[in-house]
């Protein structure tokens, strides 16, 4: 009996000890990470996350260094307008424009000679998918070029051009060729089999049409403006046609620069986009700036009218949709050699910023 009481007493003590242990507060976990453990990685990530944008910006390779844009004429001069309006300085950027001496904007971007540029999608997309180090960060504007015929010719629509020669002035496989191919394709005309695309230099296109050597030509809206006004030429298809509204040019950057300096690149893109929005709202003032900078020539009112028609400053959503369509059309028409899917291409070349 005494043994039984002793056993019960021990059991009660054990239960009391366990109960007290369960109620006691847990020992605090040290917040100091152990070197080499996952806690160290979490701490580092937390430190980075807690940096202000200014502090994170100062860690970028190009922080405080001079940035370069490619100086282009006319409707592609958004980067120059951004400088003229003081947008770079406001953003804390040091920026300088460079003229392409013996190199194209694509070459300058791909080699990192310049960081940002505004240029034709049709000129840059194929190189971007073939290893040239450039990406698109936003849209610039619509329009630029039109397919024209002699005003007194019998050709009223693109359907009338079947079986005939059409000039793509800067050559087969280049931007004029790609633009013309999409304009024809939009009307159900196969640019590879239904027409003959050929190269005739810009200044020779009108004489060639007058002689009947070619039926039509893709030319810039600035070049044809006066000849359309005086009844020499007639537009049969334009990138500005309401049923097409094809985006013409984009803001592009050197790919390595954009990826390694996301804050710097975003600030730079924002300045150019801000300039495009200002140009859309102020076509007359924008034209005056371009003419003062020597980036537009000819009749002032003509340039105002053209600049007002270009729909500067498209949204990123619109630009992305247009880029997808262009990639799909280029693949279907054989203008793009990559075998990657459109989704893969977009991941490679589309990094919206600003």
C-alpha atoms as a PDB file:
ATOM      1  CA  UNK A   1       0.000   0.000   0.000  1.00  0.00           C
ATOM      2  CA  UNK A   2       2.880   2.332   0.925  1.00  0.00           C
ATOM      3  CA  UNK A   3       4.530   1.525  -2.393  1.00  0.00           C
ATOM      4  CA  UNK A   4       1.316   2.385  -4.255  1.00  0.00           C
ATOM      5  CA  UNK A   5       1.039   5.802  -2.498  1.00  0.00           C
ATOM      6  CA  UNK A   6       4.684   6.526  -3.281  1.00  0.00           C
ATOM      7  CA  UNK A   7       4.133   5.694  -6.970  1.00  0.00           C
ATOM      8  CA  UNK A   8       1.063   7.967  -7.180  1.00  0.00           C
ATOM      9  CA  UNK A   9       2.983  10.792  -5.554  1.00  0.00           C
ATOM     10  CA  UNK A  10       5.808  10.516  -8.091  1.00  0.00           C
ATOM     11  CA  UNK A  11       3.312  10.452 -10.944  1.00  0.00           C
ATOM     12  CA  UNK A  12       1.617  13.649  -9.710  1.00  0.00           C
ATOM     13  CA  UNK A  13       5.005  15.412  -9.475  1.00  0.00           C
ATOM     14  CA  UNK A  14       5.843  14.406 -13.049  1.00  0.00           C
ATOM     15  CA  UNK A  15       2.522  15.747 -14.328  1.00  0.00           C
ATOM     16  CA  UNK A  16       3.108  19.047 -12.494  1.00  0.00           C
ATOM     17  CA  UNK A  17       6.588  19.469 -14.042  1.00  0.00           C
ATOM     18  CA  UNK A  18       5.249  18.835 -17.569  1.00  0.00           C
ATOM     19  CA  UNK A  19       2.426  21.298 -17.072  1.00  0.00           C
ATOM     20  CA  UNK A  20       4.791  24.023 -15.914  1.00  0.00           C
ATOM     21  CA  UNK A  21       7.059  23.426 -18.892  1.00  0.00           C
ATOM     22  CA  UNK A  22       4.152  23.774 -21.314  1.00  0.00           C
ATOM     23  CA  UNK A  23       3.101  27.105 -19.820  1.00  0.00           C
ATOM     24  CA  UNK A  24       6.592  28.633 -19.750  1.00  0.00           C
ATOM     25  CA  UNK A  25       7.394  31.199 -22.483  1.00  0.00           C
ATOM     26  CA  UNK A  26       9.487  29.947 -25.380  1.00  0.00           C
ATOM     27  CA  UNK A  27      13.143  30.948 -25.393  1.00  0.00           C
ATOM     28  CA  UNK A  28      13.687  33.937 -27.694  1.00  0.00           C
ATOM     29  CA  UNK A  29      15.167  33.151 -31.130  1.00  0.00           C
ATOM     30  CA  UNK A  30      18.329  35.106 -31.788  1.00  0.00           C
ATOM     31  CA  UNK A  31      17.827  37.691 -34.564  1.00  0.00           C
ATOM     32  CA  UNK A  32      21.525  37.613 -35.334  1.00  0.00           C
ATOM     33  CA  UNK A  33      22.009  35.461 -38.443  1.00  0.00           C
ATOM     34  CA  UNK A  34      24.471  32.618 -38.311  1.00  0.00           C
ATOM     35  CA  UNK A  35      27.228  33.076 -40.864  1.00  0.00           C
ATOM     36  CA  UNK A  36      26.814  30.759 -43.798  1.00  0.00           C
ATOM     37  CA  UNK A  37      23.205  29.921 -42.936  1.00  0.00           C
ATOM     38  CA  UNK A  38      20.033  30.759 -44.865  1.00  0.00           C
ATOM     39  CA  UNK A  39      19.360  33.451 -42.256  1.00  0.00           C
ATOM     40  CA  UNK A  40      22.298  35.417 -43.672  1.00  0.00           C
ATOM     41  CA  UNK A  41      20.715  35.381 -47.150  1.00  0.00           C
ATOM     42  CA  UNK A  42      17.356  36.457 -45.743  1.00  0.00           C
ATOM     43  CA  UNK A  43      19.041  39.274 -43.836  1.00  0.00           C
ATOM     44  CA  UNK A  44      20.809  40.498 -47.004  1.00  0.00           C
ATOM     45  CA  UNK A  45      17.577  40.451 -48.977  1.00  0.00           C
ATOM     46  CA  UNK A  46      15.869  42.370 -46.179  1.00  0.00           C
ATOM     47  CA  UNK A  47      18.660  44.965 -46.149  1.00  0.00           C
ATOM     48  CA  UNK A  48      18.313  45.515 -49.932  1.00  0.00           C
ATOM     49  CA  UNK A  49      14.538  45.728 -49.658  1.00  0.00           C
ATOM     50  CA  UNK A  50      14.880  48.424 -47.001  1.00  0.00           C
ATOM     51  CA  UNK A  51      17.093  50.659 -49.191  1.00  0.00           C
ATOM     52  CA  UNK A  52      15.486  53.818 -50.496  1.00  0.00           C
ATOM     53  CA  UNK A  53      15.348  54.191 -54.284  1.00  0.00           C
ATOM     54  CA  UNK A  54      18.098  56.802 -54.062  1.00  0.00           C
ATOM     55  CA  UNK A  55      20.348  54.392 -52.123  1.00  0.00           C
ATOM     56  CA  UNK A  56      19.598  51.516 -54.522  1.00  0.00           C
ATOM     57  CA  UNK A  57      20.209  53.818 -57.498  1.00  0.00           C
ATOM     58  CA  UNK A  58      23.679  54.690 -56.199  1.00  0.00           C
ATOM     59  CA  UNK A  59      24.604  50.988 -56.307  1.00  0.00           C
ATOM     60  CA  UNK A  60      24.017  50.755 -60.073  1.00  0.00           C
ATOM     61  CA  UNK A  61      27.098  50.630 -62.354  1.00  0.00           C
ATOM     62  CA  UNK A  62      26.036  53.673 -64.397  1.00  0.00           C
ATOM     63  CA  UNK A  63      24.918  55.870 -61.506  1.00  0.00           C
ATOM     64  CA  UNK A  64      26.345  59.359 -61.929  1.00  0.00           C
ATOM     65  CA  UNK A  65      27.998  58.535 -65.267  1.00  0.00           C
ATOM     66  CA  UNK A  66      27.212  60.239 -68.553  1.00  0.00           C
ATOM     67  CA  UNK A  67      24.448  58.551 -70.576  1.00  0.00           C
ATOM     68  CA  UNK A  68      24.211  58.789 -74.356  1.00  0.00           C
ATOM     69  CA  UNK A  69      21.306  58.942 -76.798  1.00  0.00           C
ATOM     70  CA  UNK A  70      21.398  58.597 -80.576  1.00  0.00           C
ATOM     71  CA  UNK A  71      20.528  61.869 -82.333  1.00  0.00           C
ATOM     72  CA  UNK A  72      17.853  61.248 -84.962  1.00  0.00           C
ATOM     73  CA  UNK A  73      15.918  63.684 -87.124  1.00  0.00           C
ATOM     74  CA  UNK A  74      12.263  64.650 -87.155  1.00  0.00           C
ATOM     75  CA  UNK A  75       9.763  62.309 -85.550  1.00  0.00           C
ATOM     76  CA  UNK A  76      12.542  60.196 -83.959  1.00  0.00           C
ATOM     77  CA  UNK A  77      14.016  63.154 -82.089  1.00  0.00           C
ATOM     78  CA  UNK A  78      12.210  62.592 -78.773  1.00  0.00           C
ATOM     79  CA  UNK A  79      15.499  62.130 -76.846  1.00  0.00           C
ATOM     80  CA  UNK A  80      16.755  65.480 -78.162  1.00  0.00           C
ATOM     81  CA  UNK A  81      13.490  67.198 -77.231  1.00  0.00           C
ATOM     82  CA  UNK A  82      13.760  65.725 -73.708  1.00  0.00           C
ATOM     83  CA  UNK A  83      17.154  67.403 -73.348  1.00  0.00           C
ATOM     84  CA  UNK A  84      15.906  70.697 -74.772  1.00  0.00           C
ATOM     85  CA  UNK A  85      13.052  70.714 -72.240  1.00  0.00           C
ATOM     86  CA  UNK A  86      15.400  69.990 -69.340  1.00  0.00           C
ATOM     87  CA  UNK A  87      13.832  66.660 -68.414  1.00  0.00           C
ATOM     88  CA  UNK A  88      17.138  64.805 -67.963  1.00  0.00           C
ATOM     89  CA  UNK A  89      18.487  67.443 -65.613  1.00  0.00           C
ATOM     90  CA  UNK A  90      15.256  67.363 -63.590  1.00  0.00           C
ATOM     91  CA  UNK A  91      15.658  63.589 -63.210  1.00  0.00           C
ATOM     92  CA  UNK A  92      19.252  63.920 -62.010  1.00  0.00           C
ATOM     93  CA  UNK A  93      20.738  62.436 -65.188  1.00  0.00           C
ATOM     94  CA  UNK A  94      23.801  63.551 -67.139  1.00  0.00           C
ATOM     95  CA  UNK A  95      22.981  62.956 -70.798  1.00  0.00           C
ATOM     96  CA  UNK A  96      24.559  63.771 -74.147  1.00  0.00           C
ATOM     97  CA  UNK A  97      23.439  63.161 -77.716  1.00  0.00           C
ATOM     98  CA  UNK A  98      25.714  61.461 -80.239  1.00  0.00           C
ATOM     99  CA  UNK A  99      25.496  61.565 -84.023  1.00  0.00           C
ATOM    100  CA  UNK A 100      25.928  58.274 -85.804  1.00  0.00           C
ATOM    101  CA  UNK A 101      29.235  58.714 -87.569  1.00  0.00           C
ATOM    102  CA  UNK A 102      29.393  55.787 -89.957  1.00  0.00           C
ATOM    103  CA  UNK A 103      27.155  53.555 -87.856  1.00  0.00           C
ATOM    104  CA  UNK A 104      23.415  53.026 -87.699  1.00  0.00           C
ATOM    105  CA  UNK A 105      21.307  53.429 -84.598  1.00  0.00           C
ATOM    106  CA  UNK A 106      21.052  49.628 -84.376  1.00  0.00           C
ATOM    107  CA  UNK A 107      24.849  49.271 -84.401  1.00  0.00           C
ATOM    108  CA  UNK A 108      25.257  52.066 -81.852  1.00  0.00           C
ATOM    109  CA  UNK A 109      22.746  50.458 -79.488  1.00  0.00           C
ATOM    110  CA  UNK A 110      24.024  46.927 -79.947  1.00  0.00           C
ATOM    111  CA  UNK A 111      27.627  47.860 -79.195  1.00  0.00           C
ATOM    112  CA  UNK A 112      26.702  50.069 -76.243  1.00  0.00           C
ATOM    113  CA  UNK A 113      27.998  53.249 -77.909  1.00  0.00           C
ATOM    114  CA  UNK A 114      24.629  54.784 -76.990  1.00  0.00           C
ATOM    115  CA  UNK A 115      22.196  53.789 -74.268  1.00  0.00           C
ATOM    116  CA  UNK A 116      18.864  54.897 -75.730  1.00  0.00           C
ATOM    117  CA  UNK A 117      17.373  55.604 -79.145  1.00  0.00           C
ATOM    118  CA  UNK A 118      14.066  56.163 -80.900  1.00  0.00           C
ATOM    119  CA  UNK A 119      13.790  54.291 -84.179  1.00  0.00           C
ATOM    120  CA  UNK A 120      11.708  52.078 -86.444  1.00  0.00           C
ATOM    121  CA  UNK A 121      10.366  48.806 -85.073  1.00  0.00           C
ATOM    122  CA  UNK A 122      10.753  47.486 -88.636  1.00  0.00           C
ATOM    123  CA  UNK A 123      14.475  48.233 -88.538  1.00  0.00           C
ATOM    124  CA  UNK A 124      15.250  46.918 -85.068  1.00  0.00           C
ATOM    125  CA  UNK A 125      13.066  43.871 -84.326  1.00  0.00           C
ATOM    126  CA  UNK A 126      14.879  41.371 -86.541  1.00  0.00           C
ATOM    127  CA  UNK A 127      18.389  42.342 -85.288  1.00  0.00           C
ATOM    128  CA  UNK A 128      17.080  42.176 -81.700  1.00  0.00           C
ATOM    129  CA  UNK A 129      16.027  38.552 -82.246  1.00  0.00           C
ATOM    130  CA  UNK A 130      19.306  37.716 -83.985  1.00  0.00           C
ATOM    131  CA  UNK A 131      21.670  38.510 -81.134  1.00  0.00           C
ATOM    132  CA  UNK A 132      21.986  42.302 -81.267  1.00  0.00           C
ATOM    133  CA  UNK A 133      21.979  43.578 -77.674  1.00  0.00           C
ATOM    134  CA  UNK A 134      18.920  45.818 -77.707  1.00  0.00           C
ATOM    135  CA  UNK A 135      15.501  45.819 -76.072  1.00  0.00           C
ATOM    136  CA  UNK A 136      12.344  47.900 -76.398  1.00  0.00           C
ATOM    137  CA  UNK A 137      11.192  49.885 -73.357  1.00  0.00           C
ATOM    138  CA  UNK A 138       8.245  51.853 -74.769  1.00  0.00           C
ATOM    139  CA  UNK A 139       6.482  53.156 -77.842  1.00  0.00           C
ATOM    140  CA  UNK A 140       7.211  56.443 -79.603  1.00  0.00           C
ATOM    141  CA  UNK A 141       4.542  57.162 -82.223  1.00  0.00           C
ATOM    142  CA  UNK A 142       2.516  55.869 -85.158  1.00  0.00           C
ATOM    143  CA  UNK A 143       2.772  56.734 -88.835  1.00  0.00           C
ATOM    144  CA  UNK A 144       5.902  57.829 -90.751  1.00  0.00           C
ATOM    145  CA  UNK A 145       5.521  56.163 -94.137  1.00  0.00           C
ATOM    146  CA  UNK A 146       2.946  55.601 -96.863  1.00  0.00           C
ATOM    147  CA  UNK A 147       2.568  53.565-100.031  1.00  0.00           C
ATOM    148  CA  UNK A 148       2.078  55.990-102.928  1.00  0.00           C
ATOM    149  CA  UNK A 149       1.324  55.926-106.652  1.00  0.00           C
ATOM    150  CA  UNK A 150       1.176  58.620-109.325  1.00  0.00           C
ATOM    151  CA  UNK A 151      -2.061  60.556-108.884  1.00  0.00           C
ATOM    152  CA  UNK A 152      -3.054  60.017-112.525  1.00  0.00           C
ATOM    153  CA  UNK A 153      -2.350  56.263-112.423  1.00  0.00           C
ATOM    154  CA  UNK A 154      -5.157  53.683-112.589  1.00  0.00           C
ATOM    155  CA  UNK A 155      -4.084  52.166-109.246  1.00  0.00           C
ATOM    156  CA  UNK A 156      -6.682  52.977-106.615  1.00  0.00           C
ATOM    157  CA  UNK A 157      -6.027  50.288-104.001  1.00  0.00           C
ATOM    158  CA  UNK A 158      -3.345  47.779-103.097  1.00  0.00           C
ATOM    159  CA  UNK A 159      -5.405  45.143-104.935  1.00  0.00           C
ATOM    160  CA  UNK A 160      -4.628  46.990-108.185  1.00  0.00           C
ATOM    161  CA  UNK A 161      -0.894  46.536-107.552  1.00  0.00           C
ATOM    162  CA  UNK A 162      -0.938  42.755-107.869  1.00  0.00           C
ATOM    163  CA  UNK A 163       1.692  41.486-110.285  1.00  0.00           C
ATOM    164  CA  UNK A 164       3.440  44.874-110.388  1.00  0.00           C
ATOM    165  CA  UNK A 165       6.714  46.282-109.061  1.00  0.00           C
ATOM    166  CA  UNK A 166       6.778  48.251-105.808  1.00  0.00           C
ATOM    167  CA  UNK A 167       9.865  50.044-104.522  1.00  0.00           C
ATOM    168  CA  UNK A 168      11.126  49.495-100.987  1.00  0.00           C
ATOM    169  CA  UNK A 169      13.900  52.129-101.157  1.00  0.00           C
ATOM    170  CA  UNK A 170      16.321  50.979 -98.466  1.00  0.00           C
ATOM    171  CA  UNK A 171      16.526  47.445 -99.783  1.00  0.00           C
ATOM    172  CA  UNK A 172      15.157  43.926 -99.577  1.00  0.00           C
ATOM    173  CA  UNK A 173      14.892  42.685 -95.997  1.00  0.00           C
ATOM    174  CA  UNK A 174      15.286  46.196 -94.561  1.00  0.00           C
ATOM    175  CA  UNK A 175      12.720  48.366 -92.766  1.00  0.00           C
ATOM    176  CA  UNK A 176      10.951  49.660 -95.922  1.00  0.00           C
ATOM    177  CA  UNK A 177      10.561  46.093 -97.157  1.00  0.00           C
ATOM    178  CA  UNK A 178       9.140  44.950 -93.819  1.00  0.00           C
ATOM    179  CA  UNK A 179       6.694  47.872 -93.591  1.00  0.00           C
ATOM    180  CA  UNK A 180       5.486  47.364 -97.161  1.00  0.00           C
ATOM    181  CA  UNK A 181       5.034  43.641 -96.551  1.00  0.00           C
ATOM    182  CA  UNK A 182       2.754  44.319 -93.565  1.00  0.00           C
ATOM    183  CA  UNK A 183       0.743  46.994 -95.383  1.00  0.00           C
ATOM    184  CA  UNK A 184       0.058  44.582 -98.249  1.00  0.00           C
ATOM    185  CA  UNK A 185      -0.567  41.644 -95.935  1.00  0.00           C
ATOM    186  CA  UNK A 186      -3.226  43.661 -94.092  1.00  0.00           C
ATOM    187  CA  UNK A 187      -5.211  43.679 -97.350  1.00  0.00           C
ATOM    188  CA  UNK A 188      -4.759  39.964 -97.975  1.00  0.00           C
ATOM    189  CA  UNK A 189      -2.000  40.435-100.551  1.00  0.00           C
ATOM    190  CA  UNK A 190       0.992  38.113-100.285  1.00  0.00           C
ATOM    191  CA  UNK A 191       4.076  40.357-100.532  1.00  0.00           C
ATOM    192  CA  UNK A 192       6.237  37.410-101.568  1.00  0.00           C
ATOM    193  CA  UNK A 193       4.126  36.128-104.482  1.00  0.00           C
ATOM    194  CA  UNK A 194       1.459  38.686-105.448  1.00  0.00           C
ATOM    195  CA  UNK A 195       3.792  41.646-106.116  1.00  0.00           C
ATOM    196  CA  UNK A 196       7.434  42.294-106.972  1.00  0.00           C
ATOM    197  CA  UNK A 197       9.209  44.207-104.217  1.00  0.00           C
ATOM    198  CA  UNK A 198      12.325  45.877-105.556  1.00  0.00           C
ATOM    199  CA  UNK A 199      14.820  48.528-104.468  1.00  0.00           C
ATOM    200  CA  UNK A 200      14.766  51.954-106.100  1.00  0.00           C
ATOM    201  CA  UNK A 201      16.532  54.845-104.349  1.00  0.00           C
ATOM    202  CA  UNK A 202      14.199  57.446-102.801  1.00  0.00           C
ATOM    203  CA  UNK A 203      14.989  60.299-105.193  1.00  0.00           C
ATOM    204  CA  UNK A 204      14.526  57.999-108.196  1.00  0.00           C
ATOM    205  CA  UNK A 205      11.133  56.604-107.178  1.00  0.00           C
ATOM    206  CA  UNK A 206       8.916  59.318-108.656  1.00  0.00           C
ATOM    207  CA  UNK A 207      10.740  59.368-112.039  1.00  0.00           C
ATOM    208  CA  UNK A 208      10.556  55.555-112.071  1.00  0.00           C
ATOM    209  CA  UNK A 209       6.793  55.693-111.443  1.00  0.00           C
ATOM    210  CA  UNK A 210       6.377  58.331-114.173  1.00  0.00           C
ATOM    211  CA  UNK A 211       8.156  56.025-116.637  1.00  0.00           C
ATOM    212  CA  UNK A 212       6.119  53.012-115.575  1.00  0.00           C
ATOM    213  CA  UNK A 213       9.181  51.147-114.319  1.00  0.00           C
ATOM    214  CA  UNK A 214       7.502  50.711-110.946  1.00  0.00           C
ATOM    215  CA  UNK A 215       3.856  51.108-109.987  1.00  0.00           C
ATOM    216  CA  UNK A 216       4.231  52.283-106.393  1.00  0.00           C
ATOM    217  CA  UNK A 217       6.762  53.123-103.703  1.00  0.00           C
ATOM    218  CA  UNK A 218       6.946  53.299 -99.918  1.00  0.00           C
ATOM    219  CA  UNK A 219       8.095  56.804 -99.008  1.00  0.00           C
ATOM    220  CA  UNK A 220       8.223  58.985 -95.893  1.00  0.00           C
ATOM    221  CA  UNK A 221       5.267  61.273 -95.251  1.00  0.00           C
ATOM    222  CA  UNK A 222       7.625  64.260 -95.062  1.00  0.00           C
ATOM    223  CA  UNK A 223       9.125  63.483 -98.480  1.00  0.00           C
ATOM    224  CA  UNK A 224       5.762  63.052-100.226  1.00  0.00           C
ATOM    225  CA  UNK A 225       3.835  65.835 -98.440  1.00  0.00           C
ATOM    226  CA  UNK A 226       4.107  68.553-101.072  1.00  0.00           C
ATOM    227  CA  UNK A 227       3.667  66.133-103.982  1.00  0.00           C
ATOM    228  CA  UNK A 228       0.447  64.806-102.443  1.00  0.00           C
ATOM    229  CA  UNK A 229      -0.746  68.378-101.846  1.00  0.00           C
ATOM    230  CA  UNK A 230      -0.102  69.461-105.469  1.00  0.00           C
ATOM    231  CA  UNK A 231      -1.682  66.343-106.947  1.00  0.00           C
ATOM    232  CA  UNK A 232       1.459  64.612-108.202  1.00  0.00           C
ATOM    233  CA  UNK A 233       1.161  61.596-105.905  1.00  0.00           C
ATOM    234  CA  UNK A 234      -1.718  59.743-104.241  1.00  0.00           C
ATOM    235  CA  UNK A 235      -1.584  57.639-101.075  1.00  0.00           C
ATOM    236  CA  UNK A 236      -3.085  54.157-101.427  1.00  0.00           C
ATOM    237  CA  UNK A 237      -2.080  52.833 -97.970  1.00  0.00           C
ATOM    238  CA  UNK A 238      -0.597  54.464 -94.887  1.00  0.00           C
ATOM    239  CA  UNK A 239       0.575  53.368 -91.473  1.00  0.00           C
ATOM    240  CA  UNK A 240      -1.788  56.065 -90.165  1.00  0.00           C
ATOM    241  CA  UNK A 241      -4.902  54.541 -91.772  1.00  0.00           C
ATOM    242  CA  UNK A 242      -7.533  54.161 -89.072  1.00  0.00           C
ATOM    243  CA  UNK A 243      -8.038  50.444 -89.732  1.00  0.00           C
ATOM    244  CA  UNK A 244      -4.303  49.846 -89.269  1.00  0.00           C
ATOM    245  CA  UNK A 245      -3.006  52.509 -86.838  1.00  0.00           C
ATOM    246  CA  UNK A 246       0.369  50.787 -87.013  1.00  0.00           C
ATOM    247  CA  UNK A 247       2.942  51.900 -84.488  1.00  0.00           C
ATOM    248  CA  UNK A 248       6.028  53.016 -86.325  1.00  0.00           C
ATOM    249  CA  UNK A 249       8.789  53.764 -83.858  1.00  0.00           C
ATOM    250  CA  UNK A 250       9.811  52.676 -80.378  1.00  0.00           C
ATOM    251  CA  UNK A 251      12.112  53.704 -77.564  1.00  0.00           C
ATOM    252  CA  UNK A 252      14.918  51.157 -77.510  1.00  0.00           C
ATOM    253  CA  UNK A 253      17.911  50.653 -75.237  1.00  0.00           C
ATOM    254  CA  UNK A 254      21.100  48.678 -75.084  1.00  0.00           C
ATOM    255  CA  UNK A 255      19.983  45.452 -73.432  1.00  0.00           C
ATOM    256  CA  UNK A 256      22.870  45.089 -70.993  1.00  0.00           C
ATOM    257  CA  UNK A 257      22.518  48.697 -69.850  1.00  0.00           C
ATOM    258  CA  UNK A 258      18.765  48.315 -69.243  1.00  0.00           C
ATOM    259  CA  UNK A 259      19.113  45.065 -67.292  1.00  0.00           C
ATOM    260  CA  UNK A 260      22.090  46.083 -65.143  1.00  0.00           C
ATOM    261  CA  UNK A 261      20.796  49.600 -64.394  1.00  0.00           C
ATOM    262  CA  UNK A 262      17.011  49.301 -63.995  1.00  0.00           C
ATOM    263  CA  UNK A 263      16.557  52.536 -62.007  1.00  0.00           C
ATOM    264  CA  UNK A 264      18.808  54.601 -64.281  1.00  0.00           C
ATOM    265  CA  UNK A 265      17.179  53.099 -67.377  1.00  0.00           C
ATOM    266  CA  UNK A 266      13.685  53.717 -66.036  1.00  0.00           C
ATOM    267  CA  UNK A 267      14.476  57.368 -65.331  1.00  0.00           C
ATOM    268  CA  UNK A 268      15.949  57.748 -68.825  1.00  0.00           C
ATOM    269  CA  UNK A 269      12.916  56.103 -70.468  1.00  0.00           C
ATOM    270  CA  UNK A 270      10.545  58.274 -68.408  1.00  0.00           C
ATOM    271  CA  UNK A 271      12.243  61.434 -69.699  1.00  0.00           C
ATOM    272  CA  UNK A 272      11.827  60.391 -73.346  1.00  0.00           C
ATOM    273  CA  UNK A 273       8.211  59.324 -72.770  1.00  0.00           C
ATOM    274  CA  UNK A 274       7.502  62.650 -71.084  1.00  0.00           C
ATOM    275  CA  UNK A 275       8.961  64.427 -74.128  1.00  0.00           C
ATOM    276  CA  UNK A 276       6.703  62.416 -76.461  1.00  0.00           C
ATOM    277  CA  UNK A 277       3.635  63.324 -74.414  1.00  0.00           C
ATOM    278  CA  UNK A 278       4.649  66.981 -74.576  1.00  0.00           C
ATOM    279  CA  UNK A 279       5.174  66.740 -78.351  1.00  0.00           C
ATOM    280  CA  UNK A 280       1.675  65.282 -78.750  1.00  0.00           C
ATOM    281  CA  UNK A 281       0.150  68.146 -76.774  1.00  0.00           C
ATOM    282  CA  UNK A 282       2.315  70.874 -78.344  1.00  0.00           C
ATOM    283  CA  UNK A 283       2.988  70.033 -82.026  1.00  0.00           C
ATOM    284  CA  UNK A 284       3.705  73.633 -83.019  1.00  0.00           C
ATOM    285  CA  UNK A 285       6.170  74.272 -80.195  1.00  0.00           C
ATOM    286  CA  UNK A 286       7.754  70.851 -80.739  1.00  0.00           C
ATOM    287  CA  UNK A 287       8.236  71.606 -84.429  1.00  0.00           C
ATOM    288  CA  UNK A 288       9.947  74.887 -83.560  1.00  0.00           C
ATOM    289  CA  UNK A 289      12.356  73.103 -81.210  1.00  0.00           C
ATOM    290  CA  UNK A 290      13.174  70.518 -83.890  1.00  0.00           C
ATOM    291  CA  UNK A 291      13.823  73.208 -86.476  1.00  0.00           C
ATOM    292  CA  UNK A 292      15.940  75.232 -84.037  1.00  0.00           C
ATOM    293  CA  UNK A 293      18.023  72.101 -83.353  1.00  0.00           C
ATOM    294  CA  UNK A 294      18.408  71.445 -87.083  1.00  0.00           C
ATOM    295  CA  UNK A 295      16.491  68.164 -86.767  1.00  0.00           C
ATOM    296  CA  UNK A 296      13.649  69.154 -89.108  1.00  0.00           C
ATOM    297  CA  UNK A 297      13.746  71.014 -92.404  1.00  0.00           C
ATOM    298  CA  UNK A 298      11.336  72.315 -95.011  1.00  0.00           C
ATOM    299  CA  UNK A 299       8.077  74.159 -94.566  1.00  0.00           C
ATOM    300  CA  UNK A 300       7.166  74.891 -90.929  1.00  0.00           C
ATOM    301  CA  UNK A 301       3.418  74.356 -91.331  1.00  0.00           C
ATOM    302  CA  UNK A 302       4.025  71.071 -93.148  1.00  0.00           C
ATOM    303  CA  UNK A 303       6.104  69.820 -90.239  1.00  0.00           C
ATOM    304  CA  UNK A 304       3.475  70.952 -87.730  1.00  0.00           C
ATOM    305  CA  UNK A 305       0.772  69.044 -89.622  1.00  0.00           C
ATOM    306  CA  UNK A 306       2.882  65.896 -89.850  1.00  0.00           C
ATOM    307  CA  UNK A 307       3.958  66.007 -86.215  1.00  0.00           C
ATOM    308  CA  UNK A 308       0.352  66.539 -85.149  1.00  0.00           C
ATOM    309  CA  UNK A 309      -0.690  63.401 -87.040  1.00  0.00           C
ATOM    310  CA  UNK A 310       1.842  61.020 -85.507  1.00  0.00           C
ATOM    311  CA  UNK A 311       0.071  60.162 -82.234  1.00  0.00           C
ATOM    312  CA  UNK A 312       3.152  60.551 -80.046  1.00  0.00           C
ATOM    313  CA  UNK A 313       3.254  58.785 -76.689  1.00  0.00           C
ATOM    314  CA  UNK A 314       1.383  55.472 -77.080  1.00  0.00           C
ATOM    315  CA  UNK A 315       0.734  53.520 -73.888  1.00  0.00           C
ATOM    316  CA  UNK A 316       2.864  50.527 -72.947  1.00  0.00           C
ATOM    317  CA  UNK A 317      -0.214  48.308 -73.351  1.00  0.00           C
ATOM    318  CA  UNK A 318      -0.792  49.491 -76.926  1.00  0.00           C
ATOM    319  CA  UNK A 319       2.910  49.189 -77.734  1.00  0.00           C
ATOM    320  CA  UNK A 320       3.058  45.659 -76.346  1.00  0.00           C
ATOM    321  CA  UNK A 321       0.038  44.572 -78.414  1.00  0.00           C
ATOM    322  CA  UNK A 322       1.567  46.098 -81.546  1.00  0.00           C
ATOM    323  CA  UNK A 323       4.928  44.444 -80.903  1.00  0.00           C
ATOM    324  CA  UNK A 324       3.248  41.053 -80.522  1.00  0.00           C
ATOM    325  CA  UNK A 325       1.356  41.533 -83.792  1.00  0.00           C
ATOM    326  CA  UNK A 326       4.493  42.610 -85.642  1.00  0.00           C
ATOM    327  CA  UNK A 327       6.414  39.570 -84.372  1.00  0.00           C
ATOM    328  CA  UNK A 328       3.609  37.223 -85.386  1.00  0.00           C
ATOM    329  CA  UNK A 329       3.327  38.829 -88.838  1.00  0.00           C
ATOM    330  CA  UNK A 330       7.092  38.752 -89.375  1.00  0.00           C
ATOM    331  CA  UNK A 331       7.261  35.063 -88.481  1.00  0.00           C
ATOM    332  CA  UNK A 332       4.322  34.199 -90.740  1.00  0.00           C
ATOM    333  CA  UNK A 333       5.755  36.219 -93.650  1.00  0.00           C
ATOM    334  CA  UNK A 334       9.242  34.795 -93.248  1.00  0.00           C
ATOM    335  CA  UNK A 335      10.771  38.143 -92.291  1.00  0.00           C
ATOM    336  CA  UNK A 336      12.035  36.752 -88.988  1.00  0.00           C
ATOM    337  CA  UNK A 337      14.295  33.692 -88.847  1.00  0.00           C
ATOM    338  CA  UNK A 338      14.038  32.852 -85.153  1.00  0.00           C
ATOM    339  CA  UNK A 339      12.133  29.701 -84.231  1.00  0.00           C
ATOM    340  CA  UNK A 340      11.230  31.025 -80.768  1.00  0.00           C
ATOM    341  CA  UNK A 341       7.577  31.511 -79.875  1.00  0.00           C
ATOM    342  CA  UNK A 342       6.122  35.018 -79.729  1.00  0.00           C
ATOM    343  CA  UNK A 343       5.989  34.700 -75.925  1.00  0.00           C
ATOM    344  CA  UNK A 344       9.704  33.838 -75.811  1.00  0.00           C
ATOM    345  CA  UNK A 345      10.540  36.712 -78.158  1.00  0.00           C
ATOM    346  CA  UNK A 346       8.599  39.170 -76.017  1.00  0.00           C
ATOM    347  CA  UNK A 347      10.458  38.073 -72.883  1.00  0.00           C
ATOM    348  CA  UNK A 348      13.706  38.670 -74.729  1.00  0.00           C
ATOM    349  CA  UNK A 349      13.067  42.084 -76.307  1.00  0.00           C
ATOM    350  CA  UNK A 350      10.233  43.798 -74.367  1.00  0.00           C
ATOM    351  CA  UNK A 351      11.111  45.463 -71.027  1.00  0.00           C
ATOM    352  CA  UNK A 352       8.639  48.323 -70.470  1.00  0.00           C
ATOM    353  CA  UNK A 353      10.159  51.106 -68.357  1.00  0.00           C
ATOM    354  CA  UNK A 354       9.532  54.641 -67.242  1.00  0.00           C
END
